[in-house]
Amino acid sequence: MNVRDVMVTPVITVKPFTTVKEAAELFLARKISATPVVDSEQKLVGIVSEGDLLHRVEAGTERHRSWWLEEFIGNDTLAAEYVKAHGRKVSDVMTRKVITASPQTPLHEVADFVEQYRRFWEQSLNRLEDYLRKLQPKGKKNIRKKPARKKP
């Protein structure tokens, strides 16, 4: 089975100048969670998803970090998060680095890639949490504890 066997057609797309509100309304109306962003020549320039719309100032979900954690985060990251939270256009909030697969790609290759990507991010998150836990003053419990492993 290949990607083409599970693709949804026609593909619903938005333009970079589409407003965040219009994209959210499209997600609700079409019951989708993401859509490619294409330029005037139908060239892929990004993707916008529900995740890109999560930390929004108008929804009261803007990301707030503690002052000490902000010391470890670069100014570029903080600026990008600000734009994402306050941006009005899809181009402000979309993910620009898109990983794609052709219609001929076997589904098992896509599944393998997604599994490897997921494991990489879980490992990175665990290392960051361990590091932050070491920086935390004794007696504080605000860093997420690792879930207990299930016994087989």
C-alpha atoms as a PDB file:
ATOM      1  CA  MET A   1       0.000   0.000   0.000  1.00  0.00           C
ATOM      2  CA  ASN A   2       1.288   3.444  -0.949  1.00  0.00           C
ATOM      3  CA  VAL A   3       0.604   7.002   0.177  1.00  0.00           C
ATOM      4  CA  ARG A   4      -1.723   7.556  -2.812  1.00  0.00           C
ATOM      5  CA  ASP A   5      -4.024   4.836  -1.418  1.00  0.00           C
ATOM      6  CA  VAL A   6      -4.788   6.893   1.695  1.00  0.00           C
ATOM      7  CA  MET A   7      -4.526  10.444   0.334  1.00  0.00           C
ATOM      8  CA  VAL A   8      -7.538  12.717   0.600  1.00  0.00           C
ATOM      9  CA  THR A   9      -8.396  14.475  -2.644  1.00  0.00           C
ATOM     10  CA  PRO A  10      -8.908  17.160  -3.574  1.00  0.00           C
ATOM     11  CA  VAL A  11      -6.359  18.691  -1.210  1.00  0.00           C
ATOM     12  CA  ILE A  12      -7.688  21.668   0.748  1.00  0.00           C
ATOM     13  CA  THR A  13      -5.094  24.463   0.786  1.00  0.00           C
ATOM     14  CA  VAL A  14      -4.753  28.014   2.071  1.00  0.00           C
ATOM     15  CA  LYS A  15      -2.600  30.959   1.007  1.00  0.00           C
ATOM     16  CA  PRO A  16       0.008  32.664   3.210  1.00  0.00           C
ATOM     17  CA  PHE A  17      -2.192  35.788   3.429  1.00  0.00           C
ATOM     18  CA  THR A  18      -5.193  33.793   4.736  1.00  0.00           C
ATOM     19  CA  THR A  19      -6.082  35.026   8.217  1.00  0.00           C
ATOM     20  CA  VAL A  20      -5.639  32.784  11.243  1.00  0.00           C
ATOM     21  CA  LYS A  21      -9.378  33.159  11.917  1.00  0.00           C
ATOM     22  CA  GLU A  22     -10.241  31.991   8.386  1.00  0.00           C
ATOM     23  CA  ALA A  23      -7.918  28.980   8.744  1.00  0.00           C
ATOM     24  CA  ALA A  24      -9.529  28.009  12.071  1.00  0.00           C
ATOM     25  CA  GLU A  25     -13.002  28.335  10.528  1.00  0.00           C
ATOM     26  CA  LEU A  26     -11.885  26.159   7.591  1.00  0.00           C
ATOM     27  CA  PHE A  27     -10.610  23.470   9.995  1.00  0.00           C
ATOM     28  CA  LEU A  28     -13.990  23.397  11.737  1.00  0.00           C
ATOM     29  CA  ALA A  29     -16.095  23.509   8.567  1.00  0.00           C
ATOM     30  CA  ARG A  30     -14.120  20.799   6.744  1.00  0.00           C
ATOM     31  CA  LYS A  31     -13.338  18.726   9.873  1.00  0.00           C
ATOM     32  CA  ILE A  32      -9.595  18.823   9.186  1.00  0.00           C
ATOM     33  CA  SER A  33      -6.682  19.438  11.533  1.00  0.00           C
ATOM     34  CA  ALA A  34      -4.117  20.812   9.074  1.00  0.00           C
ATOM     35  CA  THR A  35      -3.744  22.096   5.552  1.00  0.00           C
ATOM     36  CA  PRO A  36      -0.862  22.848   3.181  1.00  0.00           C
ATOM     37  CA  VAL A  37      -0.027  26.502   2.560  1.00  0.00           C
ATOM     38  CA  VAL A  38       0.655  27.262  -1.118  1.00  0.00           C
ATOM     39  CA  ASP A  39       1.750  30.413  -2.925  1.00  0.00           C
ATOM     40  CA  SER A  40       0.103  31.944  -6.002  1.00  0.00           C
ATOM     41  CA  GLU A  41       1.830  29.337  -8.202  1.00  0.00           C
ATOM     42  CA  GLN A  42       0.537  26.441  -6.040  1.00  0.00           C
ATOM     43  CA  LYS A  43       4.051  25.818  -4.692  1.00  0.00           C
ATOM     44  CA  LEU A  44       4.155  24.413  -1.137  1.00  0.00           C
ATOM     45  CA  VAL A  45       5.511  27.042   1.268  1.00  0.00           C
ATOM     46  CA  GLY A  46       4.391  25.552   4.594  1.00  0.00           C
ATOM     47  CA  ILE A  47       1.696  23.807   6.561  1.00  0.00           C
ATOM     48  CA  VAL A  48      -0.669  25.180   9.178  1.00  0.00           C
ATOM     49  CA  SER A  49      -2.187  22.893  11.795  1.00  0.00           C
ATOM     50  CA  GLU A  50      -4.281  23.017  14.941  1.00  0.00           C
ATOM     51  CA  GLY A  51      -0.994  22.893  16.834  1.00  0.00           C
ATOM     52  CA  ASP A  52       0.094  26.143  15.176  1.00  0.00           C
ATOM     53  CA  LEU A  53      -3.073  27.776  16.496  1.00  0.00           C
ATOM     54  CA  LEU A  54      -2.790  26.528  20.091  1.00  0.00           C
ATOM     55  CA  HIS A  55      -0.852  29.242  21.902  1.00  0.00           C
ATOM     56  CA  ARG A  56      -2.851  32.292  20.832  1.00  0.00           C
ATOM     57  CA  VAL A  57      -3.170  35.534  22.788  1.00  0.00           C
ATOM     58  CA  GLU A  58      -6.830  36.042  21.850  1.00  0.00           C
ATOM     59  CA  ALA A  59      -7.705  32.581  23.191  1.00  0.00           C
ATOM     60  CA  GLY A  60      -5.841  33.209  26.440  1.00  0.00           C
ATOM     61  CA  THR A  61      -3.481  30.317  25.676  1.00  0.00           C
ATOM     62  CA  GLU A  62      -0.317  32.301  24.974  1.00  0.00           C
ATOM     63  CA  ARG A  63       2.763  30.488  26.257  1.00  0.00           C
ATOM     64  CA  HIS A  64       4.153  31.902  29.523  1.00  0.00           C
ATOM     65  CA  ARG A  65       7.557  30.716  30.659  1.00  0.00           C
ATOM     66  CA  SER A  66       9.291  31.278  33.960  1.00  0.00           C
ATOM     67  CA  TRP A  67      12.006  33.959  33.879  1.00  0.00           C
ATOM     68  CA  TRP A  68      14.789  31.445  34.544  1.00  0.00           C
ATOM     69  CA  LEU A  69      13.734  29.157  31.692  1.00  0.00           C
ATOM     70  CA  GLU A  70      13.718  32.141  29.328  1.00  0.00           C
ATOM     71  CA  GLU A  71      17.418  32.582  30.145  1.00  0.00           C
ATOM     72  CA  PHE A  72      18.085  29.253  28.371  1.00  0.00           C
ATOM     73  CA  ILE A  73      15.935  30.046  25.344  1.00  0.00           C
ATOM     74  CA  GLY A  74      17.411  32.167  22.565  1.00  0.00           C
ATOM     75  CA  ASN A  75      15.939  35.522  21.597  1.00  0.00           C
ATOM     76  CA  ASP A  76      15.115  34.137  18.141  1.00  0.00           C
ATOM     77  CA  THR A  77      12.905  31.466  19.709  1.00  0.00           C
ATOM     78  CA  LEU A  78      11.163  33.973  21.983  1.00  0.00           C
ATOM     79  CA  ALA A  79      10.567  36.333  19.038  1.00  0.00           C
ATOM     80  CA  ALA A  80       9.165  33.499  16.894  1.00  0.00           C
ATOM     81  CA  GLU A  81       6.818  32.450  19.719  1.00  0.00           C
ATOM     82  CA  TYR A  82       5.610  36.038  20.102  1.00  0.00           C
ATOM     83  CA  VAL A  83       4.841  36.319  16.382  1.00  0.00           C
ATOM     84  CA  LYS A  84       3.084  32.942  16.438  1.00  0.00           C
ATOM     85  CA  ALA A  85       0.912  34.018  19.398  1.00  0.00           C
ATOM     86  CA  HIS A  86       0.063  37.462  17.988  1.00  0.00           C
ATOM     87  CA  GLY A  87       0.226  36.884  14.212  1.00  0.00           C
ATOM     88  CA  ARG A  88      -2.858  37.523  12.123  1.00  0.00           C
ATOM     89  CA  LYS A  89      -1.903  35.710   8.916  1.00  0.00           C
ATOM     90  CA  VAL A  90      -1.202  32.040   8.229  1.00  0.00           C
ATOM     91  CA  SER A  91       2.315  33.031   7.136  1.00  0.00           C
ATOM     92  CA  ASP A  92       2.955  34.227  10.721  1.00  0.00           C
ATOM     93  CA  VAL A  93       2.034  30.912  12.359  1.00  0.00           C
ATOM     94  CA  MET A  94       2.667  28.179   9.770  1.00  0.00           C
ATOM     95  CA  THR A  95       5.437  25.618   9.930  1.00  0.00           C
ATOM     96  CA  ARG A  96       7.826  26.336   7.076  1.00  0.00           C
ATOM     97  CA  LYS A  97       9.990  23.208   7.109  1.00  0.00           C
ATOM     98  CA  VAL A  98       7.613  20.593   5.751  1.00  0.00           C
ATOM     99  CA  ILE A  99       8.508  16.943   5.351  1.00  0.00           C
ATOM    100  CA  THR A 100       6.677  15.427   2.395  1.00  0.00           C
ATOM    101  CA  ALA A 101       6.214  12.040   0.767  1.00  0.00           C
ATOM    102  CA  SER A 102       5.320  11.314  -2.842  1.00  0.00           C
ATOM    103  CA  PRO A 103       2.144   9.406  -3.715  1.00  0.00           C
ATOM    104  CA  GLN A 104       4.334   6.429  -4.691  1.00  0.00           C
ATOM    105  CA  THR A 105       6.012   6.184  -1.249  1.00  0.00           C
ATOM    106  CA  PRO A 106       5.163   2.911   0.510  1.00  0.00           C
ATOM    107  CA  LEU A 107       3.140   3.517   3.678  1.00  0.00           C
ATOM    108  CA  HIS A 108       5.486   1.383   5.773  1.00  0.00           C
ATOM    109  CA  GLU A 109       8.309   3.845   4.995  1.00  0.00           C
ATOM    110  CA  VAL A 110       6.179   6.756   6.192  1.00  0.00           C
ATOM    111  CA  ALA A 111       5.200   4.835   9.339  1.00  0.00           C
ATOM    112  CA  ASP A 112       8.864   4.005  10.068  1.00  0.00           C
ATOM    113  CA  PHE A 113       9.859   7.648   9.651  1.00  0.00           C
ATOM    114  CA  VAL A 114       7.081   8.904  11.931  1.00  0.00           C
ATOM    115  CA  GLU A 115       8.034   6.353  14.598  1.00  0.00           C
ATOM    116  CA  GLN A 116      11.718   7.362  14.485  1.00  0.00           C
ATOM    117  CA  TYR A 117      10.811  11.062  14.611  1.00  0.00           C
ATOM    118  CA  ARG A 118       8.486  10.508  17.593  1.00  0.00           C
ATOM    119  CA  ARG A 119      11.190   8.571  19.490  1.00  0.00           C
ATOM    120  CA  PHE A 120      13.761  11.295  18.801  1.00  0.00           C
ATOM    121  CA  TRP A 121      11.510  13.997  20.280  1.00  0.00           C
ATOM    122  CA  GLU A 122      10.570  11.873  23.307  1.00  0.00           C
ATOM    123  CA  GLN A 123      14.261  11.284  24.046  1.00  0.00           C
ATOM    124  CA  SER A 124      15.052  14.990  23.603  1.00  0.00           C
ATOM    125  CA  LEU A 125      12.207  15.979  25.933  1.00  0.00           C
ATOM    126  CA  ASN A 126      13.362  13.485  28.565  1.00  0.00           C
ATOM    127  CA  ARG A 127      16.934  14.846  28.441  1.00  0.00           C
ATOM    128  CA  LEU A 128      15.666  18.425  28.796  1.00  0.00           C
ATOM    129  CA  GLU A 129      13.445  17.481  31.741  1.00  0.00           C
ATOM    130  CA  ASP A 130      16.371  15.714  33.460  1.00  0.00           C
ATOM    131  CA  TYR A 131      18.531  18.799  32.967  1.00  0.00           C
ATOM    132  CA  LEU A 132      15.856  21.171  34.303  1.00  0.00           C
ATOM    133  CA  ARG A 133      15.217  18.891  37.262  1.00  0.00           C
ATOM    134  CA  LYS A 134      18.903  19.214  38.217  1.00  0.00           C
ATOM    135  CA  LEU A 135      18.639  23.027  38.104  1.00  0.00           C
ATOM    136  CA  GLN A 136      15.508  23.083  40.230  1.00  0.00           C
ATOM    137  CA  PRO A 137      15.861  23.992  43.927  1.00  0.00           C
ATOM    138  CA  LYS A 138      15.386  21.057  46.323  1.00  0.00           C
ATOM    139  CA  GLY A 139      11.800  20.527  47.441  1.00  0.00           C
ATOM    140  CA  LYS A 140      10.183  22.064  44.336  1.00  0.00           C
ATOM    141  CA  LYS A 141       7.953  19.788  42.269  1.00  0.00           C
ATOM    142  CA  ASN A 142       7.070  21.846  39.214  1.00  0.00           C
ATOM    143  CA  ILE A 143       9.046  19.829  36.648  1.00  0.00           C
ATOM    144  CA  ARG A 144       6.996  17.000  35.149  1.00  0.00           C
ATOM    145  CA  LYS A 145       7.946  13.617  36.543  1.00  0.00           C
ATOM    146  CA  LYS A 146       8.602  10.781  34.149  1.00  0.00           C
ATOM    147  CA  PRO A 147       5.691   8.340  34.015  1.00  0.00           C
ATOM    148  CA  ALA A 148       6.286   5.009  35.668  1.00  0.00           C
ATOM    149  CA  ARG A 149       7.090   2.272  33.177  1.00  0.00           C
ATOM    150  CA  LYS A 150       4.482  -0.419  32.780  1.00  0.00           C
ATOM    151  CA  LYS A 151       5.684  -3.895  33.559  1.00  0.00           C
ATOM    152  CA  PRO A 152       5.076  -6.447  30.796  1.00  0.00           C
END
